[in-house]
Amino acid sequence: MNEVVLLRRELMSEAMSLVAELDSHPAGSVLRCYARAVHGQRSAGCADADLPRVAREVAAQVLRTRRTPLPAPRAFIPRQREVRRIA
């Protein structure tokens, strides 16, 4: 197989395992953080063979320092005023 395809598979595998590991965070946030880590490490000149592992470590470290999201409180919907007609 092409080495680009293999690298992509490794990156996807690491991303999915990171989502499963950090289940207290929304999956979209984890994937976005991992994508940013991949981009940052690639820009820094990380070798392709080490890229999935290093990016996973960076993303995990960043996500662990974030506060765990709390469930949103129930929204309070105020009672609407009656509409009065102007005579």
C-alpha atoms as a PDB file:
ATOM      1  CA  MET A   1       0.000   0.000   0.000  1.00  0.00           C
ATOM      2  CA  ASN A   2       0.919   3.599  -0.450  1.00  0.00           C
ATOM      3  CA  GLU A   3       2.665   5.090   2.592  1.00  0.00           C
ATOM      4  CA  VAL A   4       0.274   8.070   2.570  1.00  0.00           C
ATOM      5  CA  VAL A   5      -2.693   5.710   2.927  1.00  0.00           C
ATOM      6  CA  LEU A   6      -0.977   3.880   5.780  1.00  0.00           C
ATOM      7  CA  LEU A   7      -0.192   7.160   7.560  1.00  0.00           C
ATOM      8  CA  ARG A   8      -3.800   8.274   7.187  1.00  0.00           C
ATOM      9  CA  ARG A   9      -5.021   4.986   8.661  1.00  0.00           C
ATOM     10  CA  GLU A  10      -2.658   5.333  11.624  1.00  0.00           C
ATOM     11  CA  LEU A  11      -3.792   8.921  12.203  1.00  0.00           C
ATOM     12  CA  MET A  12      -7.455   7.899  12.106  1.00  0.00           C
ATOM     13  CA  SER A  13      -6.832   4.982  14.454  1.00  0.00           C
ATOM     14  CA  GLU A  14      -5.055   7.209  16.972  1.00  0.00           C
ATOM     15  CA  ALA A  15      -7.813   9.811  16.728  1.00  0.00           C
ATOM     16  CA  MET A  16     -10.545   7.261  17.412  1.00  0.00           C
ATOM     17  CA  SER A  17      -8.685   5.761  20.353  1.00  0.00           C
ATOM     18  CA  LEU A  18      -8.182   9.256  21.791  1.00  0.00           C
ATOM     19  CA  VAL A  19     -11.924   9.934  21.494  1.00  0.00           C
ATOM     20  CA  ALA A  20     -12.648   6.683  23.327  1.00  0.00           C
ATOM     21  CA  GLU A  21     -10.067   7.438  26.021  1.00  0.00           C
ATOM     22  CA  LEU A  22     -11.256  10.979  26.702  1.00  0.00           C
ATOM     23  CA  ASP A  23     -14.977  10.318  26.771  1.00  0.00           C
ATOM     24  CA  SER A  24     -15.603  13.204  29.187  1.00  0.00           C
ATOM     25  CA  HIS A  25     -15.001  15.651  26.320  1.00  0.00           C
ATOM     26  CA  PRO A  26     -17.184  16.019  23.223  1.00  0.00           C
ATOM     27  CA  ALA A  27     -15.853  13.954  20.332  1.00  0.00           C
ATOM     28  CA  GLY A  28     -15.736  16.978  18.031  1.00  0.00           C
ATOM     29  CA  SER A  29     -13.506  18.866  20.451  1.00  0.00           C
ATOM     30  CA  VAL A  30     -11.156  15.915  20.758  1.00  0.00           C
ATOM     31  CA  LEU A  31     -10.905  15.474  16.992  1.00  0.00           C
ATOM     32  CA  ARG A  32     -10.366  19.196  16.424  1.00  0.00           C
ATOM     33  CA  CYS A  33      -7.620  19.282  19.050  1.00  0.00           C
ATOM     34  CA  TYR A  34      -5.980  16.211  17.507  1.00  0.00           C
ATOM     35  CA  ALA A  35      -6.125  17.788  14.043  1.00  0.00           C
ATOM     36  CA  ARG A  36      -4.470  20.932  15.370  1.00  0.00           C
ATOM     37  CA  ALA A  37      -1.790  18.836  17.051  1.00  0.00           C
ATOM     38  CA  VAL A  38      -1.129  16.971  13.792  1.00  0.00           C
ATOM     39  CA  HIS A  39      -0.850  20.251  11.898  1.00  0.00           C
ATOM     40  CA  GLY A  40       1.442  21.745  14.528  1.00  0.00           C
ATOM     41  CA  GLN A  41       3.730  18.733  14.689  1.00  0.00           C
ATOM     42  CA  ARG A  42       3.878  18.461  10.925  1.00  0.00           C
ATOM     43  CA  SER A  43       4.812  22.163  10.719  1.00  0.00           C
ATOM     44  CA  ALA A  44       7.518  21.577  13.329  1.00  0.00           C
ATOM     45  CA  GLY A  45       9.073  18.916  11.100  1.00  0.00           C
ATOM     46  CA  CYS A  46       7.998  15.738  12.869  1.00  0.00           C
ATOM     47  CA  ALA A  47       8.758  12.569  10.939  1.00  0.00           C
ATOM     48  CA  ASP A  48       5.786  10.745   9.397  1.00  0.00           C
ATOM     49  CA  ALA A  49       6.541   7.578  11.341  1.00  0.00           C
ATOM     50  CA  ASP A  50       6.294   9.417  14.688  1.00  0.00           C
ATOM     51  CA  LEU A  51       3.493  11.815  13.762  1.00  0.00           C
ATOM     52  CA  PRO A  52       0.438   9.846  15.016  1.00  0.00           C
ATOM     53  CA  ARG A  53       2.013   9.063  18.387  1.00  0.00           C
ATOM     54  CA  VAL A  54       3.443  12.538  19.023  1.00  0.00           C
ATOM     55  CA  ALA A  55       0.260  14.319  17.951  1.00  0.00           C
ATOM     56  CA  ARG A  56      -1.791  12.058  20.199  1.00  0.00           C
ATOM     57  CA  GLU A  57       0.430  12.875  23.180  1.00  0.00           C
ATOM     58  CA  VAL A  58       0.176  16.606  22.512  1.00  0.00           C
ATOM     59  CA  ALA A  59      -3.599  16.516  22.054  1.00  0.00           C
ATOM     60  CA  ALA A  60      -4.107  14.376  25.164  1.00  0.00           C
ATOM     61  CA  GLN A  61      -1.982  16.737  27.237  1.00  0.00           C
ATOM     62  CA  VAL A  62      -3.929  19.784  26.028  1.00  0.00           C
ATOM     63  CA  LEU A  63      -7.299  18.129  26.594  1.00  0.00           C
ATOM     64  CA  ARG A  64      -6.389  16.921  30.072  1.00  0.00           C
ATOM     65  CA  THR A  65      -5.528  20.453  31.141  1.00  0.00           C
ATOM     66  CA  ARG A  66      -8.973  21.662  30.071  1.00  0.00           C
ATOM     67  CA  ARG A  67     -11.768  21.653  32.533  1.00  0.00           C
ATOM     68  CA  THR A  68     -14.212  18.826  32.098  1.00  0.00           C
ATOM     69  CA  PRO A  69     -17.403  20.230  30.639  1.00  0.00           C
ATOM     70  CA  LEU A  70     -20.361  20.296  32.999  1.00  0.00           C
ATOM     71  CA  PRO A  71     -23.866  19.564  31.821  1.00  0.00           C
ATOM     72  CA  ALA A  72     -25.660  22.734  30.793  1.00  0.00           C
ATOM     73  CA  PRO A  73     -28.264  23.938  33.262  1.00  0.00           C
ATOM     74  CA  ARG A  74     -31.846  23.832  32.129  1.00  0.00           C
ATOM     75  CA  ALA A  75     -32.764  27.014  30.395  1.00  0.00           C
ATOM     76  CA  PHE A  76     -35.255  29.305  32.059  1.00  0.00           C
ATOM     77  CA  ILE A  77     -37.807  30.611  29.606  1.00  0.00           C
ATOM     78  CA  PRO A  78     -39.453  33.770  30.930  1.00  0.00           C
ATOM     79  CA  ARG A  79     -43.154  34.184  30.555  1.00  0.00           C
ATOM     80  CA  GLN A  80     -43.979  36.468  27.672  1.00  0.00           C
ATOM     81  CA  ARG A  81     -46.026  39.566  28.246  1.00  0.00           C
ATOM     82  CA  GLU A  82     -49.420  39.977  26.725  1.00  0.00           C
ATOM     83  CA  VAL A  83     -49.547  42.070  23.634  1.00  0.00           C
ATOM     84  CA  ARG A  84     -51.784  45.107  24.114  1.00  0.00           C
ATOM     85  CA  ARG A  85     -53.399  46.885  21.268  1.00  0.00           C
ATOM     86  CA  ILE A  86     -52.999  50.573  21.070  1.00  0.00           C
ATOM     87  CA  ALA A  87     -56.398  52.106  20.595  1.00  0.00           C
END
